[in-house]
Amino acid sequence: MKAVLQRVKKASLTVDKKEISGIKQGLFVLLGVAKDDRDEDIIWLANKIINLRIFEDDEGKLNRSLLDISGEILLVSQFTLFADCEKGRRPSFDNAMPPEYAKEMFDKFFQYLKSQNVKVEQGIFKAHMEITLTNYGPVTIILDSKDK
């Protein structure tokens, strides 16, 4: 399971010209599910995301977590995080979990975040989305549950 985190002042998501979700200060998270991911990957990665100290304290140091600042998450499924561009010009997505199973894992990830008292919004699985965000820092972090 891979995640790309972007620290944001705000973020919103639009489908068919209609805003369906948005957050204030927190994290915009792109989440990719690999075909060999399990529930343990969900728990590890979600806990890493919400406890990662990437928000400034009163002295300007990255010393506060999403939980510390009562931040929010906008979570978007992103199978292209598993693009393999080693051969040819067209990426292969063979390492991504098939959509029907990936949606189940994505939903479990979303529910786990909610169970940790995180305000979390999400995109629509497999929809074409337009995302607007105000990146803050910028701070961008890439996490992979295989690195645990």
Protein backbone atom coordinates (compact mmCIF):
# COMPACT_ATOMS: atom_id res chain seq x y z
CA MET A 1 0.00 0.00 0.00
CA LYS A 2 1.40 3.36 -1.00
CA ALA A 3 0.38 6.86 -0.01
CA VAL A 4 1.40 10.29 -1.18
CA LEU A 5 0.66 12.92 1.47
CA GLN A 6 0.49 16.62 0.81
CA ARG A 7 0.12 19.02 3.70
CA VAL A 8 -2.67 21.46 2.81
CA LYS A 9 -4.42 24.53 4.13
CA LYS A 10 -7.53 23.30 2.29
CA ALA A 11 -8.53 20.86 -0.43
CA SER A 12 -11.69 20.04 -2.33
CA LEU A 13 -12.82 17.47 -4.85
CA THR A 14 -15.25 17.93 -7.73
CA VAL A 15 -17.01 15.31 -9.87
CA ASP A 16 -19.11 16.41 -12.86
CA LYS A 17 -18.71 20.07 -11.84
CA LYS A 18 -20.18 19.39 -8.39
CA GLU A 19 -18.06 19.65 -5.25
CA ILE A 20 -18.53 16.42 -3.34
CA SER A 21 -15.99 16.77 -0.54
CA GLY A 22 -13.56 19.18 1.01
CA ILE A 23 -11.35 19.71 4.02
CA LYS A 24 -9.65 22.52 5.87
CA GLN A 25 -6.14 22.21 7.31
CA GLY A 26 -4.71 18.72 7.11
CA LEU A 27 -3.57 16.21 4.51
CA PHE A 28 -4.50 15.39 0.95
CA VAL A 29 -3.76 11.66 0.62
CA LEU A 30 -3.48 9.65 -2.59
CA LEU A 31 -3.78 5.96 -1.69
CA GLY A 32 -2.74 3.05 -3.89
CA VAL A 33 -3.48 -0.57 -3.04
CA ALA A 34 -1.13 -3.34 -4.19
CA LYS A 35 -2.40 -6.77 -5.10
CA ASP A 36 -0.64 -8.33 -2.09
CA ASP A 37 -1.81 -5.78 0.53
CA ARG A 38 -3.59 -7.02 3.66
CA ASP A 39 -5.40 -5.51 6.64
CA GLU A 40 -2.06 -5.16 8.47
CA ASP A 41 -0.96 -2.72 5.75
CA ILE A 42 -4.06 -0.60 6.36
CA ILE A 43 -3.43 -0.33 10.09
CA TRP A 44 0.29 0.38 9.76
CA LEU A 45 -0.08 2.99 7.03
CA ALA A 46 -3.08 4.78 8.56
CA ASN A 47 -1.33 5.02 11.94
CA LYS A 48 1.85 6.28 10.28
CA ILE A 49 -0.10 8.98 8.43
CA ILE A 50 -2.06 10.31 11.40
CA ASN A 51 0.93 10.26 13.77
CA LEU A 52 3.61 11.60 11.41
CA ARG A 53 4.95 14.86 12.85
CA ILE A 54 4.83 17.12 9.79
CA PHE A 55 2.98 20.14 11.17
CA GLU A 56 4.75 23.05 12.83
CA ASP A 57 4.76 23.70 16.56
CA ASP A 58 4.88 27.22 18.07
CA GLU A 59 8.61 27.40 17.26
CA GLY A 60 8.13 26.51 13.59
CA LYS A 61 9.53 22.98 13.91
CA LEU A 62 7.82 19.99 12.34
CA ASN A 63 6.77 18.56 15.66
CA ARG A 64 2.98 18.06 15.52
CA SER A 65 0.91 15.30 13.99
CA LEU A 66 -2.43 15.44 12.24
CA LEU A 67 -4.01 14.30 15.51
CA ASP A 68 -2.20 17.05 17.46
CA ILE A 69 -3.66 19.78 15.26
CA SER A 70 -7.11 18.17 14.83
CA GLY A 71 -6.41 18.12 11.10
CA GLU A 72 -8.53 16.57 8.39
CA ILE A 73 -7.84 14.16 5.52
CA LEU A 74 -9.09 14.16 1.94
CA LEU A 75 -8.50 10.58 0.77
CA VAL A 76 -8.43 9.64 -2.93
CA SER A 77 -7.85 6.22 -4.46
CA GLN A 78 -4.90 6.25 -6.87
CA PHE A 79 -3.98 2.94 -8.54
CA THR A 80 -1.42 4.73 -10.72
CA LEU A 81 0.93 4.85 -7.72
CA PHE A 82 1.79 1.30 -8.76
CA ALA A 83 2.75 2.24 -12.33
CA ASP A 84 5.70 0.24 -13.61
CA CYS A 85 7.43 2.30 -16.29
CA GLU A 86 10.51 0.12 -16.65
CA LYS A 87 9.68 -1.21 -20.12
CA GLY A 88 8.26 0.60 -23.11
CA ARG A 89 6.26 3.81 -23.03
CA ARG A 90 3.00 2.62 -21.55
CA PRO A 91 2.96 2.03 -17.78
CA SER A 92 1.96 -1.39 -16.51
CA PHE A 93 -0.36 -1.53 -13.53
CA ASP A 94 0.01 -5.27 -12.88
CA ASN A 95 1.06 -4.65 -9.27
CA ALA A 96 -2.13 -2.75 -8.43
CA MET A 97 -4.94 -4.66 -6.78
CA PRO A 98 -7.92 -5.35 -9.10
CA PRO A 99 -10.59 -2.64 -8.69
CA GLU A 100 -13.26 -4.73 -6.94
CA TYR A 101 -10.81 -5.74 -4.19
CA ALA A 102 -9.03 -2.38 -4.10
CA LYS A 103 -12.33 -0.63 -3.35
CA GLU A 104 -12.88 -2.94 -0.39
CA MET A 105 -9.39 -2.16 0.96
CA PHE A 106 -9.87 1.57 0.31
CA ASP A 107 -13.16 1.51 2.22
CA LYS A 108 -11.51 -0.32 5.13
CA PHE A 109 -8.74 2.29 5.17
CA PHE A 110 -11.32 5.10 5.23
CA GLN A 111 -13.27 3.43 8.06
CA TYR A 112 -10.10 2.81 10.06
CA LEU A 113 -9.20 6.51 9.86
CA LYS A 114 -12.70 7.41 11.07
CA SER A 115 -12.34 4.95 13.96
CA GLN A 116 -9.24 6.90 15.04
CA ASN A 117 -11.32 10.09 15.40
CA VAL A 118 -9.97 11.66 12.23
CA LYS A 119 -12.30 13.81 10.13
CA VAL A 120 -11.89 12.24 6.72
CA GLU A 121 -13.54 12.93 3.37
CA GLN A 122 -13.13 10.86 0.24
CA GLY A 123 -13.41 10.87 -3.51
CA ILE A 124 -15.58 8.57 -5.59
CA PHE A 125 -13.86 5.34 -6.47
CA LYS A 126 -13.00 5.13 -10.22
CA ALA A 127 -14.57 8.54 -10.94
CA HIS A 128 -12.84 11.27 -12.92
CA MET A 129 -12.15 13.88 -10.26
CA GLU A 130 -10.90 17.44 -10.24
CA ILE A 131 -8.94 18.25 -7.12
CA THR A 132 -8.12 21.72 -5.91
CA LEU A 133 -5.75 22.23 -3.02
CA THR A 134 -3.67 24.85 -1.32
CA ASN A 135 -0.39 23.12 -0.61
CA TYR A 136 1.25 24.35 2.58
CA GLY A 137 5.02 24.32 2.84
CA PRO A 138 5.10 22.53 0.52
CA VAL A 139 5.42 19.29 2.41
CA THR A 140 5.01 16.09 0.37
CA ILE A 141 5.76 12.65 1.84
CA ILE A 142 5.64 9.24 0.13
CA LEU A 143 4.95 6.20 2.32
CA ASP A 144 4.93 2.51 1.44
CA SER A 145 3.65 -0.14 3.84
CA LYS A 146 6.33 -2.51 2.50
CA ASP A 147 8.89 -0.26 4.27
CA LYS A 148 7.54 -1.01 7.74
